[in-house]
Amino acid sequence: MKILVTGREGQVARSLAERNGAHELVFAARPDFDLADPASIARTIEATRPDLVISAAAYTAVDQAEDEPELAMAINGKAPGHIGRAAAAIGAPVLHLSTDYVFDGSGEREWREDDPTGPIGVYGKTKLAGEEALAASGATSAVLRTAWVYSPFGGNFVKTMLRLAESRDALNVVKDQHGNPTSALDIADALLAVADRWQTEPAHGANAIYHFAGTGSTNWADFARAIFAASEEHGGPTCTVTGIPASEYPTKAARPANSRLDCTKFAETFGHCAPRWQDSLGETVARLLG
């Protein structure tokens, strides 16, 4: 199967390149492919003529999106619709990545796919608009919402914590925001599992939204403690963590207090679930320190 992946250097794109075994992956990125340029999207998909499009690239600077709402909307909110229409024109389905930020973060239970959305910031609003644009595009598609993504690649919370621990003995980390830490390598495995299934059963479980995230939840402070515990096991830097309320760490964009995702639907539909987040974290930390 020929798969066109949007983006080249993002965490999920690089994870797909590493995890792929059976498929031909073609990565589309700037300058030739620009999510803010509908013409380049249509041109690239028509020229590549993939069997599947994985829409992995996005505008992910959550705070900066508050200052650049139009650019964030062009990339996150409108581009999925352009991708869907171009893919539909050649008969290719689309797998699209979305986010826990489409919810308002209220409550304490895990969010299900059919729960009401209510994003509280520009980033979440644009990602929700992208889901809706893809659904209206006419493409056969599926949306995977995920959360708290980290990997050995790019910039992410795990790498930031390890870097800070090299020069600090103590850190204050938010304790009242909860979610599922998710390895981009595990996301890549999930996307490839769908691709494999669609190769033998086209469009199985398509035209639906799914949640996929690391198994188990935690808060940012305990996540940081787990990072340092794993680092210490491998002789890496460690740090004392003090949990603080989010009110003591103000950011331009509000973050959901509850990002826990219920991933039952994806597991039941595709027979695949993520490992315990602690296990995937340990593997990533070992690689980063190796």
Protein backbone atom coordinates (compact mmCIF):
# COMPACT_ATOMS: atom_id res chain seq x y z
CA MET A 1 0.00 0.00 0.00
CA LYS A 2 1.30 3.46 -0.90
CA ILE A 3 0.67 5.86 2.00
CA LEU A 4 1.08 9.63 1.77
CA VAL A 5 2.01 11.05 5.19
CA THR A 6 1.64 14.79 5.77
CA GLY A 7 4.74 16.15 7.44
CA ARG A 8 8.25 14.75 7.60
CA GLU A 9 9.92 15.90 10.81
CA GLY A 10 6.99 15.69 13.23
CA GLN A 11 6.93 13.13 16.02
CA VAL A 12 4.31 10.91 14.37
CA ALA A 13 5.80 11.18 10.88
CA ARG A 14 9.23 10.14 12.13
CA SER A 15 7.68 7.36 14.19
CA LEU A 16 5.84 6.08 11.13
CA ALA A 17 9.11 6.02 9.19
CA GLU A 18 10.67 3.91 11.95
CA ARG A 19 7.78 1.53 12.60
CA ASN A 20 6.68 0.91 9.01
CA GLY A 21 7.46 -2.47 7.58
CA ALA A 22 5.09 -3.43 4.79
CA HIS A 23 4.00 -0.17 3.18
CA GLU A 24 5.50 2.40 0.84
CA LEU A 25 5.55 5.72 2.72
CA VAL A 26 5.74 9.04 0.90
CA PHE A 27 6.26 12.09 3.13
CA ALA A 28 4.86 15.44 2.04
CA ALA A 29 6.29 18.59 3.61
CA ARG A 30 7.20 22.19 2.86
CA PRO A 31 8.12 23.81 0.58
CA ASP A 32 6.38 21.56 -1.96
CA PHE A 33 3.48 20.69 0.35
CA ASP A 34 2.04 23.43 2.56
CA LEU A 35 -1.06 22.89 4.69
CA ALA A 36 -1.83 26.60 4.43
CA ASP A 37 -1.86 26.34 0.61
CA PRO A 38 -4.86 24.38 -0.74
CA ALA A 39 -3.38 24.22 -4.23
CA SER A 40 -0.24 22.48 -3.00
CA ILE A 41 -2.37 19.94 -1.12
CA ALA A 42 -4.41 19.05 -4.20
CA ARG A 43 -1.33 19.01 -6.44
CA THR A 44 0.64 16.69 -4.14
CA ILE A 45 -2.16 14.19 -3.61
CA GLU A 46 -2.99 14.08 -7.32
CA ALA A 47 0.69 13.61 -8.27
CA THR A 48 1.33 10.94 -5.62
CA ARG A 49 -1.98 9.07 -6.02
CA PRO A 50 -1.63 7.21 -2.72
CA ASP A 51 -3.82 4.34 -1.56
CA LEU A 52 -4.17 6.07 1.83
CA VAL A 53 -3.44 9.51 3.28
CA ILE A 54 -2.30 9.82 6.89
CA SER A 55 -2.94 13.41 7.97
CA ALA A 56 -0.35 13.72 10.74
CA ALA A 57 0.96 17.27 10.38
CA ALA A 58 -0.67 20.16 12.24
CA TYR A 59 -0.19 23.54 13.85
CA THR A 60 0.69 22.40 17.38
CA ALA A 61 1.98 25.55 19.10
CA VAL A 62 -0.89 25.81 21.58
CA ASP A 63 0.01 29.18 23.11
CA GLN A 64 1.14 30.74 19.83
CA ALA A 65 -2.18 29.81 18.27
CA GLU A 66 -3.81 32.43 20.50
CA ASP A 67 -1.79 35.05 18.61
CA GLU A 68 -2.13 33.41 15.17
CA PRO A 69 -5.73 32.19 15.02
CA GLU A 70 -6.07 32.64 11.26
CA LEU A 71 -2.93 30.63 10.47
CA ALA A 72 -3.89 27.95 12.99
CA MET A 73 -7.35 27.72 11.43
CA ALA A 74 -5.93 27.50 7.91
CA ILE A 75 -3.66 24.60 8.89
CA ASN A 76 -5.76 22.76 11.48
CA GLY A 77 -9.29 23.75 10.56
CA LYS A 78 -9.38 24.07 6.78
CA ALA A 79 -6.54 21.87 5.47
CA PRO A 80 -8.19 18.57 6.54
CA GLY A 81 -11.13 19.46 4.30
CA HIS A 82 -8.80 20.17 1.37
CA ILE A 83 -6.98 16.88 2.04
CA GLY A 84 -10.29 15.02 2.18
CA ARG A 85 -11.58 16.45 -1.10
CA ALA A 86 -8.32 15.73 -2.92
CA ALA A 87 -8.19 12.21 -1.49
CA ALA A 88 -11.83 11.56 -2.39
CA ALA A 89 -11.12 12.59 -5.97
CA ILE A 90 -8.68 9.69 -6.37
CA GLY A 91 -10.59 7.26 -4.14
CA ALA A 92 -8.11 7.27 -1.24
CA PRO A 93 -9.27 7.17 2.40
CA VAL A 94 -7.84 9.50 5.05
CA LEU A 95 -6.60 8.80 8.58
CA HIS A 96 -6.50 12.07 10.51
CA LEU A 97 -4.94 12.84 13.89
CA SER A 98 -6.79 15.07 16.33
CA THR A 99 -6.55 15.94 20.00
CA ASP A 100 -7.98 15.82 23.50
CA TYR A 101 -8.17 19.63 23.30
CA VAL A 102 -11.53 19.35 21.51
CA PHE A 103 -13.04 18.82 25.00
CA ASP A 104 -13.43 21.43 27.73
CA GLY A 105 -11.58 19.32 30.32
CA SER A 106 -14.41 19.18 32.84
CA GLY A 107 -15.22 16.22 35.06
CA GLU A 108 -12.98 13.35 36.06
CA ARG A 109 -14.07 10.38 33.93
CA GLU A 110 -12.50 9.42 30.62
CA TRP A 111 -13.87 11.20 27.56
CA ARG A 112 -15.73 9.05 25.04
CA GLU A 113 -16.00 9.78 21.33
CA ASP A 114 -19.69 10.70 21.57
CA ASP A 115 -19.26 13.14 24.46
CA PRO A 116 -20.07 16.79 23.68
CA THR A 117 -17.06 18.78 22.53
CA GLY A 118 -16.29 22.24 23.86
CA PRO A 119 -12.73 23.44 23.19
CA ILE A 120 -11.51 26.24 25.46
CA GLY A 121 -8.72 27.66 23.28
CA VAL A 122 -7.88 28.49 19.69
CA TYR A 123 -5.87 25.30 19.15
CA GLY A 124 -8.72 23.04 20.24
CA LYS A 125 -11.27 25.03 18.24
CA THR A 126 -9.21 24.73 15.08
CA LYS A 127 -8.66 20.99 15.55
CA LEU A 128 -12.40 20.46 16.04
CA ALA A 129 -13.05 22.49 12.89
CA GLY A 130 -10.63 20.18 11.08
CA GLU A 131 -12.54 17.09 12.17
CA GLU A 132 -15.74 18.66 10.88
CA ALA A 133 -14.15 19.77 7.59
CA LEU A 134 -12.84 16.27 6.92
CA ALA A 135 -16.23 14.73 7.69
CA ALA A 136 -17.87 17.10 5.19
CA SER A 137 -15.26 16.54 2.47
CA GLY A 138 -16.74 13.38 0.99
CA ALA A 139 -13.66 11.30 1.78
CA THR A 140 -13.78 7.91 3.47
CA SER A 141 -11.99 8.71 6.70
CA ALA A 142 -11.33 8.04 10.35
CA VAL A 143 -10.19 10.45 13.07
CA LEU A 144 -7.84 9.40 15.89
CA ARG A 145 -7.81 11.76 18.85
CA THR A 146 -4.75 11.41 21.04
CA ALA A 147 -3.09 13.26 23.93
CA TRP A 148 0.17 14.20 25.67
CA VAL A 149 2.39 13.02 22.82
CA TYR A 150 6.09 12.38 23.37
CA SER A 151 8.81 10.42 21.56
CA PRO A 152 12.57 10.29 20.96
CA PHE A 153 11.98 12.90 18.23
CA GLY A 154 11.29 16.62 18.12
CA GLY A 155 10.31 18.70 21.11
CA ASN A 156 8.12 17.25 23.85
CA PHE A 157 7.59 17.13 27.62
CA VAL A 158 9.88 14.14 28.22
CA LYS A 159 12.82 15.73 26.44
CA THR A 160 12.18 19.07 28.18
CA MET A 161 12.19 17.44 31.63
CA LEU A 162 15.45 15.59 30.95
CA ARG A 163 17.06 18.77 29.65
CA LEU A 164 15.98 20.83 32.66
CA ALA A 165 17.23 18.16 35.07
CA GLU A 166 20.73 18.61 33.72
CA SER A 167 20.93 22.07 35.29
CA ARG A 168 18.34 22.06 38.09
CA ASP A 169 17.83 20.13 41.31
CA ALA A 170 14.12 20.92 41.69
CA LEU A 171 11.16 21.73 39.45
CA ASN A 172 7.59 22.89 39.96
CA VAL A 173 5.18 20.97 37.73
CA VAL A 174 1.40 21.24 37.41
CA LYS A 175 -0.47 18.61 39.41
CA ASP A 176 -4.14 19.29 38.64
CA GLN A 177 -4.23 18.48 34.91
CA HIS A 178 -4.75 14.80 34.10
CA GLY A 179 -4.31 12.81 30.91
CA ASN A 180 -2.78 9.84 29.10
CA PRO A 181 0.89 10.17 28.14
CA THR A 182 1.16 8.72 24.64
CA SER A 183 4.24 7.61 22.73
CA ALA A 184 4.26 8.73 19.09
CA LEU A 185 5.72 5.32 18.31
CA ASP A 186 2.56 3.75 19.72
CA ILE A 187 0.45 6.14 17.64
CA ALA A 188 2.38 5.05 14.57
CA ASP A 189 1.67 1.41 15.41
CA ALA A 190 -2.04 2.21 15.72
CA LEU A 191 -2.15 4.05 12.39
CA LEU A 192 -0.35 1.20 10.66
CA ALA A 193 -2.75 -1.29 12.27
CA VAL A 194 -5.63 0.58 10.63
CA ALA A 195 -3.77 0.66 7.32
CA ASP A 196 -3.18 -3.08 7.52
CA ARG A 197 -6.86 -3.69 8.28
CA TRP A 198 -8.02 -1.45 5.45
CA GLN A 199 -5.75 -3.28 3.02
CA THR A 200 -7.69 -6.50 3.58
CA GLU A 201 -11.05 -5.01 4.63
CA PRO A 202 -11.38 -1.62 2.92
CA ALA A 203 -13.03 1.03 5.06
CA HIS A 204 -13.57 -1.27 8.07
CA GLY A 205 -14.70 1.05 10.87
CA ALA A 206 -14.39 4.10 8.64
CA ASN A 207 -16.24 7.42 8.86
CA ALA A 208 -15.92 7.45 12.64
CA ILE A 209 -13.98 9.12 15.43
CA TYR A 210 -11.72 7.12 17.75
CA HIS A 211 -9.63 7.81 20.81
CA PHE A 212 -6.14 6.36 21.03
CA ALA A 213 -3.77 7.15 23.88
CA GLY A 214 -1.44 5.49 26.33
CA THR A 215 -3.11 3.02 28.69
CA GLY A 216 -3.54 4.56 32.12
CA SER A 217 -3.62 8.19 33.20
CA THR A 218 -1.60 10.50 35.41
CA ASN A 219 -0.96 14.19 36.03
CA TRP A 220 1.95 16.29 34.77
CA ALA A 221 3.78 16.27 38.10
CA ASP A 222 3.62 12.49 38.46
CA PHE A 223 4.52 12.13 34.79
CA ALA A 224 7.65 14.17 35.48
CA ARG A 225 8.47 12.01 38.50
CA ALA A 226 8.13 8.89 36.35
CA ILE A 227 10.47 10.41 33.75
CA PHE A 228 13.12 11.08 36.39
CA ALA A 229 12.70 7.63 37.93
CA ALA A 230 13.27 6.06 34.52
CA SER A 231 16.20 8.39 33.90
CA GLU A 232 17.81 7.46 37.22
CA GLU A 233 17.58 3.77 36.33
CA HIS A 234 19.74 4.46 33.29
CA GLY A 235 22.19 6.76 35.04
CA GLY A 236 20.61 9.89 33.62
CA PRO A 237 19.72 13.24 35.23
CA THR A 238 17.09 13.38 37.94
CA CYS A 239 15.25 16.10 39.78
CA THR A 240 12.91 16.69 42.71
CA VAL A 241 9.37 17.56 41.58
CA THR A 242 6.94 19.73 43.53
CA GLY A 243 3.35 19.61 42.32
CA ILE A 244 1.64 22.98 41.92
CA PRO A 245 -1.85 24.04 40.77
CA ALA A 246 -2.20 25.25 37.20
CA SER A 247 -3.17 28.65 38.58
CA GLU A 248 0.46 29.06 39.70
CA TYR A 249 1.77 28.35 36.20
CA PRO A 250 -0.23 30.67 33.92
CA THR A 251 -0.10 30.13 30.17
CA LYS A 252 -1.54 32.18 27.31
CA ALA A 253 -3.83 29.31 26.29
CA ALA A 254 -5.96 27.44 28.81
CA ARG A 255 -5.32 23.69 29.07
CA PRO A 256 -8.01 21.06 29.76
CA ALA A 257 -7.89 19.90 33.37
CA ASN A 258 -9.15 16.47 32.34
CA SER A 259 -7.72 14.99 29.15
CA ARG A 260 -8.33 11.34 30.00
CA LEU A 261 -9.48 9.45 26.89
CA ASP A 262 -11.54 6.26 26.77
CA CYS A 263 -9.93 4.14 24.02
CA THR A 264 -12.32 1.16 24.17
CA LYS A 265 -13.90 1.85 20.78
CA PHE A 266 -10.60 1.71 18.89
CA ALA A 267 -9.54 -1.49 20.66
CA GLU A 268 -12.85 -3.18 19.89
CA THR A 269 -12.89 -2.05 16.25
CA PHE A 270 -9.27 -2.72 15.30
CA GLY A 271 -8.11 -5.19 17.97
CA HIS A 272 -5.29 -2.89 19.03
CA CYS A 273 -4.57 -0.90 22.19
CA ALA A 274 -1.60 1.07 23.46
CA PRO A 275 0.82 -0.32 26.05
CA ARG A 276 0.84 1.02 29.59
CA TRP A 277 2.18 4.53 29.39
CA GLN A 278 4.87 3.68 31.95
CA ASP A 279 6.25 0.93 29.69
CA SER A 280 6.44 3.13 26.59
CA LEU A 281 7.95 5.95 28.65
CA GLY A 282 10.70 3.67 29.93
CA GLU A 283 11.62 2.67 26.38
CA THR A 284 11.73 6.28 25.22
CA VAL A 285 13.85 7.48 28.14
CA ALA A 286 16.28 4.60 27.60
CA ARG A 287 16.65 5.63 23.95
CA LEU A 288 17.14 9.30 24.77
CA LEU A 289 19.85 8.48 27.28
CA GLY A 290 21.43 5.74 25.20
